Amino acid sequence: MLQDADRTRILAISPHLDDAVLSVGASLAQAARDGGKVTVFTVFAGSAAPPYSPAAERFHARWGLSPTEDAPLRRRNEDIAALDHLGADHRHGRFPDAIYRKSPDGQWLLHHDGGSAVRQQSPVNNHDLASAIRHDIESVIAECEPTLLLTCVAIGNHPDHMVTRDATLLTAGGRGIPLRLWQDLPYAVYSSNMAELPSGLQLGSPDLSFVQEEARARKFQAMKHYATQLSVLDGPNKNLFARLEEHARSASPDGGYNETTWPVIRHADQ
């Protein structure tokens, strides 16, 4: 995925406080070790005031937080520790996670489906939110001057992933900055359902970015800083680390650890 890493400035646009590390943490660790400048900007990292949605309340309980504790602040601190472990810088966005937001009709955007996951209550087409996210991405690009942009491909159709991806695609479109979309993990372990790209764009051939064992180990160590999320994603009968390991190595011809990304092709480029 990376060439001339010592001259590379990577800006990863992450929907949530863990998505980049879960999906491409080993690649980011290896790039930083090889001399690249790595920054992760998390779009949906803002705090939210109560009242909270039933989905948010249930997550807070799973995370072991008190009703008055600032859950996003706890998660931001986890993210700082995880990215420090990878050798990456952090930038935290102002928008609250979907579990704290309402759709334009006043309904909670996400609700529980009876398990630990949440699903979309109704389709959302929030142009104001997308425009504000684009503005913030433009500001971070201007600050970091990246030579490579990364963001999610939006496997699993989570609304935060879709709006982050599309805002990044639209922002990068006129700037000529190379862009790759990562395979959303752990979503991709269980599903291949991918949100359609905006008109005029398509994915190129997938690239398996192979990393050294030290980078893979550093990724898994960094993931352990996300204690809140691991309380949901890992545990008995879930075996998150083993599943990620198996998923990566099963796609490799020689069983090496890899992380999948795709280039974005614009129809005018063909």
Protein backbone atom coordinates (compact mmCIF):
# COMPACT_ATOMS: atom_id res chain seq x y z
CA MET A 1 0.00 0.00 0.00
CA LEU A 2 2.83 2.39 0.81
CA GLN A 3 5.90 3.39 -1.16
CA ASP A 4 8.71 5.69 -0.04
CA ALA A 5 7.24 5.62 3.46
CA ASP A 6 9.83 8.05 4.80
CA ARG A 7 8.33 10.72 2.52
CA THR A 8 4.73 9.70 3.12
CA ARG A 9 2.26 11.77 5.11
CA ILE A 10 -0.78 9.61 5.76
CA LEU A 11 -4.09 11.06 6.88
CA ALA A 12 -6.62 8.39 7.90
CA ILE A 13 -10.20 9.66 8.15
CA SER A 14 -11.86 7.39 10.71
CA PRO A 15 -15.61 7.43 11.43
CA HIS A 16 -15.26 6.34 15.07
CA LEU A 17 -12.70 6.12 17.84
CA ASP A 18 -11.27 2.70 16.92
CA ASP A 19 -12.20 2.12 13.26
CA ALA A 20 -8.83 3.07 11.77
CA VAL A 21 -6.85 0.97 14.26
CA LEU A 22 -9.11 -2.07 13.90
CA SER A 23 -9.02 -1.89 10.10
CA VAL A 24 -5.52 -0.71 9.12
CA GLY A 25 -3.68 -0.35 12.41
CA ALA A 26 -0.83 -2.64 11.36
CA SER A 27 -0.28 -0.73 8.13
CA LEU A 28 -0.27 2.57 10.02
CA ALA A 29 2.18 1.18 12.58
CA GLN A 30 4.52 -0.05 9.89
CA ALA A 31 4.36 3.25 7.99
CA ALA A 32 5.19 5.18 11.16
CA ARG A 33 8.06 2.83 11.99
CA ASP A 34 9.43 3.27 8.45
CA GLY A 35 9.53 7.05 8.83
CA GLY A 36 6.13 8.15 7.58
CA LYS A 37 4.02 10.80 9.27
CA VAL A 38 0.71 9.27 10.30
CA THR A 39 -2.35 11.18 11.54
CA VAL A 40 -5.79 9.78 12.30
CA PHE A 41 -8.72 12.19 12.23
CA THR A 42 -11.83 10.74 13.87
CA VAL A 43 -14.97 12.45 12.61
CA PHE A 44 -17.54 11.27 15.19
CA ALA A 45 -15.60 11.90 18.40
CA GLY A 46 -17.68 14.69 19.95
CA SER A 47 -19.37 14.61 23.33
CA ALA A 48 -23.15 14.68 23.66
CA ALA A 49 -25.44 15.95 26.38
CA PRO A 50 -28.32 13.87 27.79
CA PRO A 51 -31.00 12.75 27.33
CA TYR A 52 -29.44 9.77 25.59
CA SER A 53 -31.05 7.29 23.26
CA PRO A 54 -31.86 3.80 24.61
CA ALA A 55 -29.04 2.53 22.38
CA ALA A 56 -26.54 4.91 23.98
CA GLU A 57 -27.72 4.06 27.48
CA ARG A 58 -27.27 0.38 26.81
CA PHE A 59 -23.77 0.90 25.45
CA HIS A 60 -22.83 3.04 28.45
CA ALA A 61 -23.97 0.23 30.73
CA ARG A 62 -21.97 -2.34 28.75
CA TRP A 63 -18.93 -0.06 28.99
CA GLY A 64 -19.30 0.11 32.77
CA LEU A 65 -19.86 3.87 32.86
CA SER A 66 -21.94 5.85 35.32
CA PRO A 67 -25.00 7.70 33.95
CA THR A 68 -23.22 11.05 34.33
CA GLU A 69 -19.85 10.05 32.88
CA ASP A 70 -18.74 11.59 29.56
CA ALA A 71 -18.47 8.41 27.48
CA PRO A 72 -16.92 10.06 24.39
CA LEU A 73 -14.25 11.66 26.59
CA ARG A 74 -13.35 8.20 27.94
CA ARG A 75 -13.19 6.89 24.37
CA ARG A 76 -11.07 9.82 23.16
CA ASN A 77 -8.53 9.08 25.88
CA GLU A 78 -8.48 5.43 24.82
CA ASP A 79 -7.91 6.52 21.22
CA ILE A 80 -5.00 8.78 22.17
CA ALA A 81 -3.32 5.87 23.98
CA ALA A 82 -3.93 3.47 21.07
CA LEU A 83 -2.58 5.86 18.43
CA ASP A 84 0.41 6.76 20.59
CA HIS A 85 1.22 3.04 20.68
CA LEU A 86 1.15 2.94 16.86
CA GLY A 87 3.29 6.05 16.56
CA ALA A 88 0.43 8.08 15.06
CA ASP A 89 -0.95 11.51 15.86
CA HIS A 90 -4.62 12.09 16.63
CA ARG A 91 -7.21 14.68 15.67
CA HIS A 92 -10.70 14.45 17.17
CA GLY A 93 -13.78 15.76 15.39
CA ARG A 94 -16.73 17.57 16.92
CA PHE A 95 -19.66 15.42 15.80
CA PRO A 96 -21.34 12.95 18.18
CA ASP A 97 -21.64 9.27 17.32
CA ALA A 98 -24.88 8.11 15.70
CA ILE A 99 -26.06 6.57 18.98
CA TYR A 100 -26.45 10.15 20.28
CA ARG A 101 -28.09 11.74 17.22
CA LYS A 102 -31.62 12.09 15.88
CA SER A 103 -32.75 11.96 12.28
CA PRO A 104 -34.41 15.01 10.70
CA ASP A 105 -37.84 13.65 11.69
CA GLY A 106 -36.87 13.80 15.39
CA GLN A 107 -36.49 10.03 15.87
CA TRP A 108 -33.34 8.49 17.31
CA LEU A 109 -31.09 7.64 14.42
CA LEU A 110 -30.15 4.20 15.71
CA HIS A 111 -31.85 1.73 17.97
CA HIS A 112 -31.17 -1.72 19.36
CA ASP A 113 -32.17 -4.79 17.43
CA GLY A 114 -32.32 -6.91 20.59
CA GLY A 115 -28.59 -7.60 20.86
CA SER A 116 -25.52 -5.50 21.40
CA ALA A 117 -25.62 -4.06 17.89
CA VAL A 118 -27.67 -1.14 16.68
CA ARG A 119 -29.32 -0.65 13.34
CA GLN A 120 -30.58 2.30 11.41
CA GLN A 121 -34.05 3.48 12.38
CA SER A 122 -34.76 5.20 9.06
CA PRO A 123 -32.85 6.34 5.96
CA VAL A 124 -30.94 9.55 6.54
CA ASN A 125 -29.92 12.13 3.98
CA ASN A 126 -28.49 14.96 6.07
CA HIS A 127 -26.82 17.40 3.69
CA ASP A 128 -25.98 19.85 6.48
CA LEU A 129 -24.04 17.18 8.39
CA ALA A 130 -22.21 16.01 5.26
CA SER A 131 -21.28 19.58 4.37
CA ALA A 132 -19.97 20.27 7.88
CA ILE A 133 -17.91 17.08 7.84
CA ARG A 134 -16.41 18.05 4.47
CA HIS A 135 -15.45 21.44 5.93
CA ASP A 136 -13.63 19.79 8.83
CA ILE A 137 -11.88 17.28 6.57
CA GLU A 138 -10.70 20.14 4.36
CA SER A 139 -9.25 21.87 7.43
CA VAL A 140 -7.35 18.76 8.53
CA ILE A 141 -6.05 18.21 4.99
CA ALA A 142 -4.81 21.80 4.90
CA GLU A 143 -3.04 21.28 8.24
CA CYS A 144 -1.49 17.87 7.54
CA GLU A 145 -0.83 18.18 3.78
CA PRO A 146 -1.17 14.40 3.27
CA THR A 147 0.39 12.52 0.39
CA LEU A 148 -2.07 9.67 0.98
CA LEU A 149 -5.64 9.66 2.27
CA LEU A 150 -7.30 6.61 3.81
CA THR A 151 -10.89 6.06 4.87
CA CYS A 152 -13.42 3.25 5.15
CA VAL A 153 -15.22 1.53 2.28
CA ALA A 154 -18.36 1.32 4.48
CA ILE A 155 -18.95 -2.41 4.77
CA GLY A 156 -21.97 -2.92 7.00
CA ASN A 157 -23.80 0.25 5.88
CA HIS A 158 -23.35 2.10 9.17
CA PRO A 159 -24.57 5.69 8.58
CA ASP A 160 -21.47 7.22 10.18
CA HIS A 161 -19.21 5.14 7.96
CA MET A 162 -21.15 6.05 4.81
CA VAL A 163 -21.16 9.80 5.43
CA THR A 164 -17.47 9.78 6.42
CA ARG A 165 -16.52 7.87 3.28
CA ASP A 166 -18.58 10.02 0.93
CA ALA A 167 -17.42 13.29 2.51
CA THR A 168 -13.80 12.16 2.13
CA LEU A 169 -14.35 11.11 -1.48
CA LEU A 170 -15.94 14.44 -2.38
CA THR A 171 -13.28 16.44 -0.56
CA ALA A 172 -10.39 14.53 -2.12
CA GLY A 173 -11.88 14.61 -5.60
CA GLY A 174 -10.50 17.94 -6.72
CA ARG A 175 -7.21 17.81 -4.82
CA GLY A 176 -5.35 15.06 -6.64
CA ILE A 177 -4.39 13.29 -3.42
CA PRO A 178 -4.13 9.49 -3.72
CA LEU A 179 -6.98 7.86 -1.84
CA ARG A 180 -7.55 4.31 -0.66
CA LEU A 181 -10.54 2.81 1.12
CA TRP A 182 -9.97 0.26 3.86
CA GLN A 183 -11.94 -2.87 4.59
CA ASP A 184 -14.09 -2.12 7.64
CA LEU A 185 -13.19 -4.45 10.48
CA PRO A 186 -14.61 -6.28 12.27
CA TYR A 187 -17.70 -5.78 10.03
CA ALA A 188 -16.01 -7.53 7.09
CA VAL A 189 -15.46 -10.67 9.16
CA TYR A 190 -19.22 -11.21 9.20
CA SER A 191 -20.53 -9.40 6.11
CA SER A 192 -19.60 -8.36 2.57
CA ASN A 193 -22.49 -5.91 2.30
CA MET A 194 -20.97 -2.66 1.05
CA ALA A 195 -22.63 0.72 0.62
CA GLU A 196 -22.73 1.88 -2.99
CA LEU A 197 -20.18 4.52 -3.91
CA PRO A 198 -21.30 7.96 -5.13
CA SER A 199 -22.05 8.29 -8.83
CA GLY A 200 -19.01 8.33 -11.09
CA LEU A 201 -16.79 6.34 -8.71
CA GLN A 202 -15.87 2.69 -8.47
CA LEU A 203 -13.37 0.53 -6.63
CA GLY A 204 -10.19 -0.66 -8.27
CA SER A 205 -8.67 -4.06 -7.61
CA PRO A 206 -8.18 -4.88 -3.92
CA ASP A 207 -4.67 -4.58 -2.53
CA LEU A 208 -3.50 -6.83 0.28
CA SER A 209 -0.99 -4.79 2.25
CA PHE A 210 1.29 -7.31 3.96
CA VAL A 211 2.94 -6.21 7.19
CA GLN A 212 5.69 -7.55 9.36
CA GLU A 213 4.88 -9.46 12.52
CA GLU A 214 6.02 -6.57 14.73
CA ALA A 215 3.44 -4.26 13.10
CA ARG A 216 0.66 -6.83 13.51
CA ALA A 217 1.58 -7.27 17.18
CA ARG A 218 1.64 -3.50 17.68
CA LYS A 219 -1.85 -3.23 16.17
CA PHE A 220 -3.25 -5.87 18.52
CA GLN A 221 -1.59 -4.20 21.49
CA ALA A 222 -3.06 -0.84 20.45
CA MET A 223 -6.53 -2.38 20.14
CA LYS A 224 -6.42 -3.36 23.82
CA HIS A 225 -6.52 0.33 24.75
CA TYR A 226 -10.13 0.46 23.49
CA ALA A 227 -11.50 -1.14 26.64
CA THR A 228 -15.00 0.25 26.15
CA GLN A 229 -15.41 -1.20 22.66
CA LEU A 230 -13.72 -4.47 23.51
CA SER A 231 -16.38 -5.02 26.17
CA VAL A 232 -18.83 -5.29 23.26
CA LEU A 233 -16.67 -6.69 20.44
CA ASP A 234 -14.61 -9.24 22.37
CA GLY A 235 -15.22 -11.75 25.10
CA PRO A 236 -16.49 -15.33 25.46
CA ASN A 237 -17.62 -16.86 22.16
CA LYS A 238 -16.52 -13.74 20.21
CA ASN A 239 -12.73 -14.10 20.12
CA LEU A 240 -12.20 -10.83 18.24
CA PHE A 241 -8.41 -11.07 17.99
CA ALA A 242 -8.49 -14.65 16.72
CA ARG A 243 -11.20 -13.81 14.19
CA LEU A 244 -9.26 -10.84 12.83
CA GLU A 245 -6.13 -12.97 12.60
CA GLU A 246 -7.95 -15.75 10.75
CA HIS A 247 -9.73 -13.30 8.44
CA ALA A 248 -6.48 -11.63 7.39
CA ARG A 249 -4.42 -14.75 6.91
CA SER A 250 -7.16 -16.66 5.06
CA ALA A 251 -7.00 -14.07 2.25
CA SER A 252 -3.23 -14.45 1.87
CA PRO A 253 -1.65 -16.92 -0.56
CA ASP A 254 1.13 -17.65 1.94
CA GLY A 255 -0.78 -17.03 5.18
CA GLY A 256 0.86 -13.68 5.92
CA TYR A 257 -0.93 -10.99 7.88
CA ASN A 258 -2.42 -8.31 5.64
CA GLU A 259 -4.96 -5.49 5.57
CA THR A 260 -7.11 -4.90 2.49
CA THR A 261 -7.59 -1.54 0.79
CA TRP A 262 -8.96 -0.44 -2.57
CA PRO A 263 -8.03 2.48 -4.84
CA VAL A 264 -10.89 4.66 -6.04
CA ILE A 265 -11.35 5.03 -9.80
CA ARG A 266 -13.15 8.03 -11.21
CA HIS A 267 -14.87 7.35 -14.50
CA ALA A 268 -13.15 10.31 -16.09
CA ASP A 269 -9.79 8.69 -15.20
CA GLN A 270 -10.48 5.55 -17.24
